[in-house]
């Protein structure tokens, strides 16, 4: 096995534990996998830095119910089967859909 040495300029000095992890990753994983992971991490960091990072179920639910009025929530609940079909077409899981419905029920009960 050929051993190579890589020198990288970094913004912060890593701790001993972080340095050990980095050495382990480079020793155990192929370079292509490490580069793919770094590309993902960079894209995620850029999106987080720009404020556009939206991941996970919570953000999906917030996107669906954020600016829904009481009347809109009532309409969606009356036409729930159609809404389920739309949500499934978008790839939402049933637990996500049930959480959306729970919030819509809460919003439909609110009166101005």
N, C-alpha and C. Protein backbone atom coordinates (compact mmCIF):
# COMPACT_ATOMS: atom_id res chain seq x y z
N UNK A 1 0.84 -1.18 0.00
CA UNK A 1 0.00 0.00 0.00
C UNK A 1 0.89 1.24 0.00
N UNK A 2 0.60 2.16 -0.91
CA UNK A 2 1.36 3.39 -1.02
C UNK A 2 0.77 4.42 -0.06
N UNK A 3 1.62 5.03 0.73
CA UNK A 3 1.17 6.05 1.67
C UNK A 3 1.46 7.42 1.08
N UNK A 4 0.45 8.27 1.09
CA UNK A 4 0.61 9.63 0.59
C UNK A 4 0.37 10.61 1.73
N UNK A 5 0.97 11.75 1.61
CA UNK A 5 0.80 12.79 2.61
C UNK A 5 0.10 13.97 1.95
N UNK A 6 -0.94 14.47 2.62
CA UNK A 6 -1.69 15.61 2.11
C UNK A 6 -1.59 16.74 3.13
N UNK A 7 -1.26 17.94 2.67
CA UNK A 7 -1.25 19.11 3.54
C UNK A 7 -2.40 20.01 3.12
N UNK A 8 -3.20 20.41 4.10
CA UNK A 8 -4.37 21.24 3.81
C UNK A 8 -4.39 22.47 4.70
N UNK A 9 -4.65 23.63 4.13
CA UNK A 9 -4.86 24.80 4.98
C UNK A 9 -6.29 24.74 5.55
N UNK A 10 -6.44 24.93 6.85
CA UNK A 10 -7.76 24.87 7.47
C UNK A 10 -7.97 26.12 8.32
N UNK A 11 -9.25 26.44 8.55
CA UNK A 11 -9.56 27.68 9.26
C UNK A 11 -9.30 27.57 10.77
N UNK A 12 -9.61 26.43 11.37
CA UNK A 12 -9.40 26.24 12.81
C UNK A 12 -8.48 25.04 13.03
N UNK A 13 -7.72 25.10 14.09
CA UNK A 13 -6.86 23.96 14.44
C UNK A 13 -7.74 22.85 15.03
N UNK A 14 -7.66 21.63 14.49
CA UNK A 14 -8.49 20.55 15.01
C UNK A 14 -7.99 20.07 16.37
N UNK A 15 -8.94 19.58 17.16
CA UNK A 15 -8.56 18.99 18.45
C UNK A 15 -7.92 17.63 18.18
N UNK A 16 -7.36 17.04 19.22
CA UNK A 16 -6.74 15.72 19.06
C UNK A 16 -7.75 14.69 18.61
N UNK A 17 -8.97 14.75 19.18
CA UNK A 17 -10.02 13.79 18.81
C UNK A 17 -10.43 13.96 17.35
N UNK A 18 -10.57 15.22 16.91
CA UNK A 18 -10.94 15.48 15.51
C UNK A 18 -9.84 15.03 14.57
N UNK A 19 -8.62 15.25 14.94
CA UNK A 19 -7.49 14.82 14.11
C UNK A 19 -7.44 13.30 14.00
N UNK A 20 -7.73 12.61 15.09
CA UNK A 20 -7.75 11.15 15.09
C UNK A 20 -8.87 10.64 14.17
N UNK A 21 -10.05 11.29 14.25
CA UNK A 21 -11.16 10.89 13.38
C UNK A 21 -10.80 11.08 11.91
N UNK A 22 -10.21 12.23 11.59
CA UNK A 22 -9.80 12.48 10.21
C UNK A 22 -8.82 11.42 9.71
N UNK A 23 -7.84 11.09 10.54
CA UNK A 23 -6.87 10.06 10.16
C UNK A 23 -7.56 8.73 9.93
N UNK A 24 -8.50 8.37 10.81
CA UNK A 24 -9.22 7.11 10.66
C UNK A 24 -10.03 7.09 9.37
N UNK A 25 -10.72 8.21 9.08
CA UNK A 25 -11.52 8.27 7.85
C UNK A 25 -10.64 8.08 6.62
N UNK A 26 -9.52 8.79 6.58
CA UNK A 26 -8.64 8.69 5.41
C UNK A 26 -7.99 7.31 5.32
N UNK A 27 -7.79 6.66 6.44
CA UNK A 27 -7.17 5.34 6.43
C UNK A 27 -8.17 4.26 5.98
N UNK A 28 -9.44 4.39 6.41
CA UNK A 28 -10.42 3.33 6.17
C UNK A 28 -11.22 3.51 4.88
N UNK A 29 -11.44 4.74 4.45
CA UNK A 29 -12.35 4.98 3.34
C UNK A 29 -11.59 5.32 2.05
N UNK A 30 -12.19 4.97 0.91
CA UNK A 30 -11.57 5.37 -0.36
C UNK A 30 -11.72 6.88 -0.58
N UNK A 31 -10.80 7.46 -1.28
CA UNK A 31 -10.78 8.91 -1.52
C UNK A 31 -12.07 9.38 -2.20
N UNK A 32 -12.59 8.60 -3.13
CA UNK A 32 -13.82 8.98 -3.83
C UNK A 32 -14.99 9.17 -2.87
N UNK A 33 -15.10 8.28 -1.89
CA UNK A 33 -16.17 8.39 -0.90
C UNK A 33 -15.97 9.60 0.00
N UNK A 34 -14.75 9.86 0.36
CA UNK A 34 -14.45 11.02 1.20
C UNK A 34 -14.79 12.30 0.45
N UNK A 35 -14.44 12.37 -0.83
CA UNK A 35 -14.74 13.56 -1.64
C UNK A 35 -16.25 13.74 -1.81
N UNK A 36 -16.98 12.65 -1.99
CA UNK A 36 -18.44 12.73 -2.12
C UNK A 36 -19.05 13.27 -0.82
N UNK A 37 -18.55 12.78 0.30
CA UNK A 37 -19.05 13.27 1.59
C UNK A 37 -18.71 14.73 1.82
N UNK A 38 -17.52 15.14 1.42
CA UNK A 38 -17.13 16.54 1.57
C UNK A 38 -17.95 17.45 0.66
N UNK A 39 -18.28 16.97 -0.54
CA UNK A 39 -19.12 17.75 -1.45
C UNK A 39 -20.50 17.95 -0.83
N UNK A 40 -21.08 16.89 -0.29
CA UNK A 40 -22.38 16.97 0.37
C UNK A 40 -22.31 17.95 1.54
N UNK A 41 -21.26 17.82 2.36
CA UNK A 41 -21.12 18.68 3.53
C UNK A 41 -20.96 20.14 3.12
N UNK A 42 -20.20 20.40 2.05
CA UNK A 42 -20.02 21.78 1.58
C UNK A 42 -21.34 22.36 1.09
N UNK A 43 -22.09 21.58 0.31
CA UNK A 43 -23.38 22.06 -0.20
C UNK A 43 -24.35 22.34 0.94
N UNK A 44 -24.37 21.46 1.93
CA UNK A 44 -25.24 21.65 3.09
C UNK A 44 -24.82 22.89 3.88
N UNK A 45 -23.52 23.06 4.06
CA UNK A 45 -23.01 24.21 4.79
C UNK A 45 -23.34 25.51 4.06
N UNK A 46 -23.20 25.50 2.73
CA UNK A 46 -23.53 26.69 1.93
C UNK A 46 -25.01 27.03 2.04
N UNK A 47 -25.87 26.02 1.97
CA UNK A 47 -27.31 26.25 2.09
C UNK A 47 -27.66 26.75 3.49
N UNK A 48 -27.03 26.20 4.49
CA UNK A 48 -27.27 26.63 5.87
C UNK A 48 -26.81 28.07 6.05
N UNK A 49 -25.65 28.40 5.48
CA UNK A 49 -25.10 29.75 5.57
C UNK A 49 -26.00 30.76 4.86
N UNK A 50 -26.60 30.34 3.74
CA UNK A 50 -27.47 31.23 2.97
C UNK A 50 -28.87 31.31 3.56
N UNK A 51 -29.18 30.42 4.50
CA UNK A 51 -30.50 30.43 5.12
C UNK A 51 -31.56 29.70 4.31
N UNK A 52 -31.13 28.87 3.37
CA UNK A 52 -32.09 28.16 2.52
C UNK A 52 -32.20 26.68 2.85
N UNK A 53 -31.56 26.25 3.93
CA UNK A 53 -31.57 24.84 4.26
C UNK A 53 -32.92 24.46 4.86
N UNK A 54 -33.62 23.58 4.19
CA UNK A 54 -34.92 23.09 4.67
C UNK A 54 -34.87 21.57 4.60
N UNK A 55 -34.71 20.94 5.72
CA UNK A 55 -34.63 19.49 5.73
C UNK A 55 -35.61 18.92 6.73
N UNK A 56 -35.98 17.69 6.51
CA UNK A 56 -36.76 16.97 7.49
C UNK A 56 -38.24 17.25 7.45
N UNK A 57 -38.94 16.45 8.23
CA UNK A 57 -40.39 16.49 8.28
C UNK A 57 -40.92 17.82 8.78
N UNK A 58 -40.24 18.40 9.77
CA UNK A 58 -40.73 19.64 10.36
C UNK A 58 -40.84 20.75 9.34
N UNK A 59 -39.84 20.88 8.48
CA UNK A 59 -39.87 21.95 7.49
C UNK A 59 -40.93 21.67 6.42
N UNK A 60 -41.17 20.41 6.09
CA UNK A 60 -42.22 20.07 5.12
C UNK A 60 -43.57 20.48 5.69
N UNK A 61 -43.81 20.16 6.94
CA UNK A 61 -45.08 20.49 7.58
C UNK A 61 -45.25 22.00 7.66
N UNK A 62 -44.20 22.70 8.06
CA UNK A 62 -44.28 24.16 8.15
C UNK A 62 -44.57 24.77 6.78
N UNK A 63 -43.96 24.22 5.74
CA UNK A 63 -44.18 24.74 4.39
C UNK A 63 -45.65 24.59 3.99
N UNK A 64 -46.27 23.50 4.39
CA UNK A 64 -47.65 23.22 4.00
C UNK A 64 -48.67 24.03 4.79
N UNK A 65 -48.39 24.37 6.04
CA UNK A 65 -49.41 25.00 6.88
C UNK A 65 -49.06 26.41 7.32
N UNK A 66 -47.93 26.94 6.87
CA UNK A 66 -47.44 28.23 7.37
C UNK A 66 -48.45 29.36 7.25
N UNK A 67 -48.95 29.62 6.08
CA UNK A 67 -49.83 30.78 5.88
C UNK A 67 -51.26 30.38 5.54
N UNK A 68 -51.70 29.23 6.02
CA UNK A 68 -53.05 28.76 5.76
C UNK A 68 -54.02 29.49 6.69
N UNK A 69 -55.09 30.04 6.11
CA UNK A 69 -56.10 30.72 6.92
C UNK A 69 -57.07 29.68 7.48
N UNK A 70 -57.95 30.14 8.37
CA UNK A 70 -58.95 29.25 8.96
C UNK A 70 -59.85 28.66 7.87
N UNK A 71 -60.27 29.50 6.93
CA UNK A 71 -61.15 29.03 5.84
C UNK A 71 -60.44 28.02 4.95
N UNK A 72 -59.19 28.29 4.66
CA UNK A 72 -58.42 27.35 3.82
C UNK A 72 -58.24 26.02 4.54
N UNK A 73 -57.97 26.07 5.83
CA UNK A 73 -57.81 24.84 6.60
C UNK A 73 -59.11 24.04 6.60
N UNK A 74 -60.24 24.72 6.77
CA UNK A 74 -61.53 24.02 6.75
C UNK A 74 -61.79 23.39 5.39
N UNK A 75 -61.46 24.12 4.30
CA UNK A 75 -61.66 23.58 2.96
C UNK A 75 -60.78 22.34 2.74
N UNK A 76 -59.54 22.42 3.18
CA UNK A 76 -58.63 21.28 3.00
C UNK A 76 -59.12 20.06 3.77
N UNK A 77 -59.65 20.28 4.95
CA UNK A 77 -60.17 19.14 5.73
C UNK A 77 -61.42 18.56 5.10
N UNK A 78 -62.29 19.42 4.51
CA UNK A 78 -63.49 18.91 3.82
C UNK A 78 -63.11 18.10 2.59
N UNK A 79 -62.03 18.44 1.96
CA UNK A 79 -61.55 17.75 0.75
C UNK A 79 -60.31 16.93 1.06
N UNK A 80 -60.31 16.27 2.19
CA UNK A 80 -59.11 15.61 2.69
C UNK A 80 -58.61 14.49 1.79
N UNK A 81 -59.52 13.72 1.19
CA UNK A 81 -59.07 12.62 0.33
C UNK A 81 -58.26 13.14 -0.86
N UNK A 82 -58.70 14.26 -1.42
CA UNK A 82 -57.97 14.86 -2.53
C UNK A 82 -56.61 15.38 -2.04
N UNK A 83 -56.59 15.96 -0.84
CA UNK A 83 -55.34 16.47 -0.28
C UNK A 83 -54.35 15.32 -0.04
N UNK A 84 -54.86 14.19 0.48
CA UNK A 84 -53.99 13.03 0.70
C UNK A 84 -53.37 12.58 -0.62
N UNK A 85 -54.19 12.52 -1.67
CA UNK A 85 -53.67 12.10 -2.98
C UNK A 85 -52.56 13.05 -3.45
N UNK A 86 -52.76 14.36 -3.25
CA UNK A 86 -51.73 15.33 -3.64
C UNK A 86 -50.46 15.15 -2.82
N UNK A 87 -50.61 14.96 -1.53
CA UNK A 87 -49.44 14.79 -0.66
C UNK A 87 -48.69 13.50 -1.00
N UNK A 88 -49.41 12.43 -1.28
CA UNK A 88 -48.75 11.16 -1.64
C UNK A 88 -48.02 11.31 -2.97
N UNK A 89 -48.61 12.06 -3.89
CA UNK A 89 -47.97 12.29 -5.19
C UNK A 89 -46.65 13.04 -5.01
N UNK A 90 -46.60 13.92 -4.01
CA UNK A 90 -45.36 14.65 -3.72
C UNK A 90 -44.35 13.82 -2.94
N UNK A 91 -44.77 12.63 -2.50
CA UNK A 91 -43.85 11.74 -1.81
C UNK A 91 -43.86 11.85 -0.30
N UNK A 92 -44.87 12.52 0.26
CA UNK A 92 -44.96 12.64 1.71
C UNK A 92 -45.38 11.31 2.31
N UNK A 93 -44.83 10.99 3.47
CA UNK A 93 -45.20 9.76 4.16
C UNK A 93 -46.51 9.97 4.92
N UNK A 94 -47.15 8.87 5.31
CA UNK A 94 -48.40 8.97 6.05
C UNK A 94 -48.22 9.66 7.40
N UNK A 95 -47.14 9.41 8.14
CA UNK A 95 -46.96 10.17 9.39
C UNK A 95 -46.85 11.68 9.16
N UNK A 96 -46.20 12.09 8.08
CA UNK A 96 -46.10 13.51 7.75
C UNK A 96 -47.48 14.07 7.43
N UNK A 97 -48.25 13.33 6.64
CA UNK A 97 -49.60 13.77 6.27
C UNK A 97 -50.48 13.89 7.51
N UNK A 98 -50.37 12.95 8.43
CA UNK A 98 -51.21 13.02 9.63
C UNK A 98 -50.80 14.21 10.50
N UNK A 99 -49.54 14.56 10.51
CA UNK A 99 -49.11 15.75 11.27
C UNK A 99 -49.64 17.03 10.62
N UNK A 100 -49.65 17.06 9.30
CA UNK A 100 -50.23 18.20 8.59
C UNK A 100 -51.70 18.32 8.95
N UNK A 101 -52.42 17.20 8.94
CA UNK A 101 -53.84 17.22 9.25
C UNK A 101 -54.07 17.72 10.67
N UNK A 102 -53.25 17.28 11.61
CA UNK A 102 -53.39 17.70 13.01
C UNK A 102 -53.30 19.22 13.13
N UNK A 103 -52.35 19.83 12.45
CA UNK A 103 -52.20 21.28 12.50
C UNK A 103 -53.35 21.97 11.78
N UNK A 104 -53.80 21.39 10.67
CA UNK A 104 -54.94 21.98 9.96
C UNK A 104 -56.20 21.96 10.83
N UNK A 105 -56.40 20.89 11.59
CA UNK A 105 -57.54 20.82 12.50
C UNK A 105 -57.45 21.94 13.53
N UNK A 106 -56.26 22.15 14.07
CA UNK A 106 -56.05 23.22 15.04
C UNK A 106 -56.35 24.59 14.41
N UNK A 107 -55.86 24.80 13.19
CA UNK A 107 -56.07 26.09 12.52
C UNK A 107 -57.54 26.28 12.15
N UNK A 108 -58.23 25.21 11.82
CA UNK A 108 -59.63 25.34 11.41
C UNK A 108 -60.53 25.73 12.59
N UNK A 109 -60.10 25.44 13.79
CA UNK A 109 -60.88 25.77 14.98
C UNK A 109 -60.67 27.21 15.44
N UNK A 110 -59.60 27.83 14.99
CA UNK A 110 -59.32 29.21 15.39
C UNK A 110 -60.25 30.16 14.68
N UNK A 111 -60.76 31.11 15.41
CA UNK A 111 -61.62 32.15 14.83
C UNK A 111 -60.96 33.49 15.01
N UNK A 112 -61.12 34.35 14.03
CA UNK A 112 -60.51 35.69 14.12
C UNK A 112 -61.37 36.60 14.95
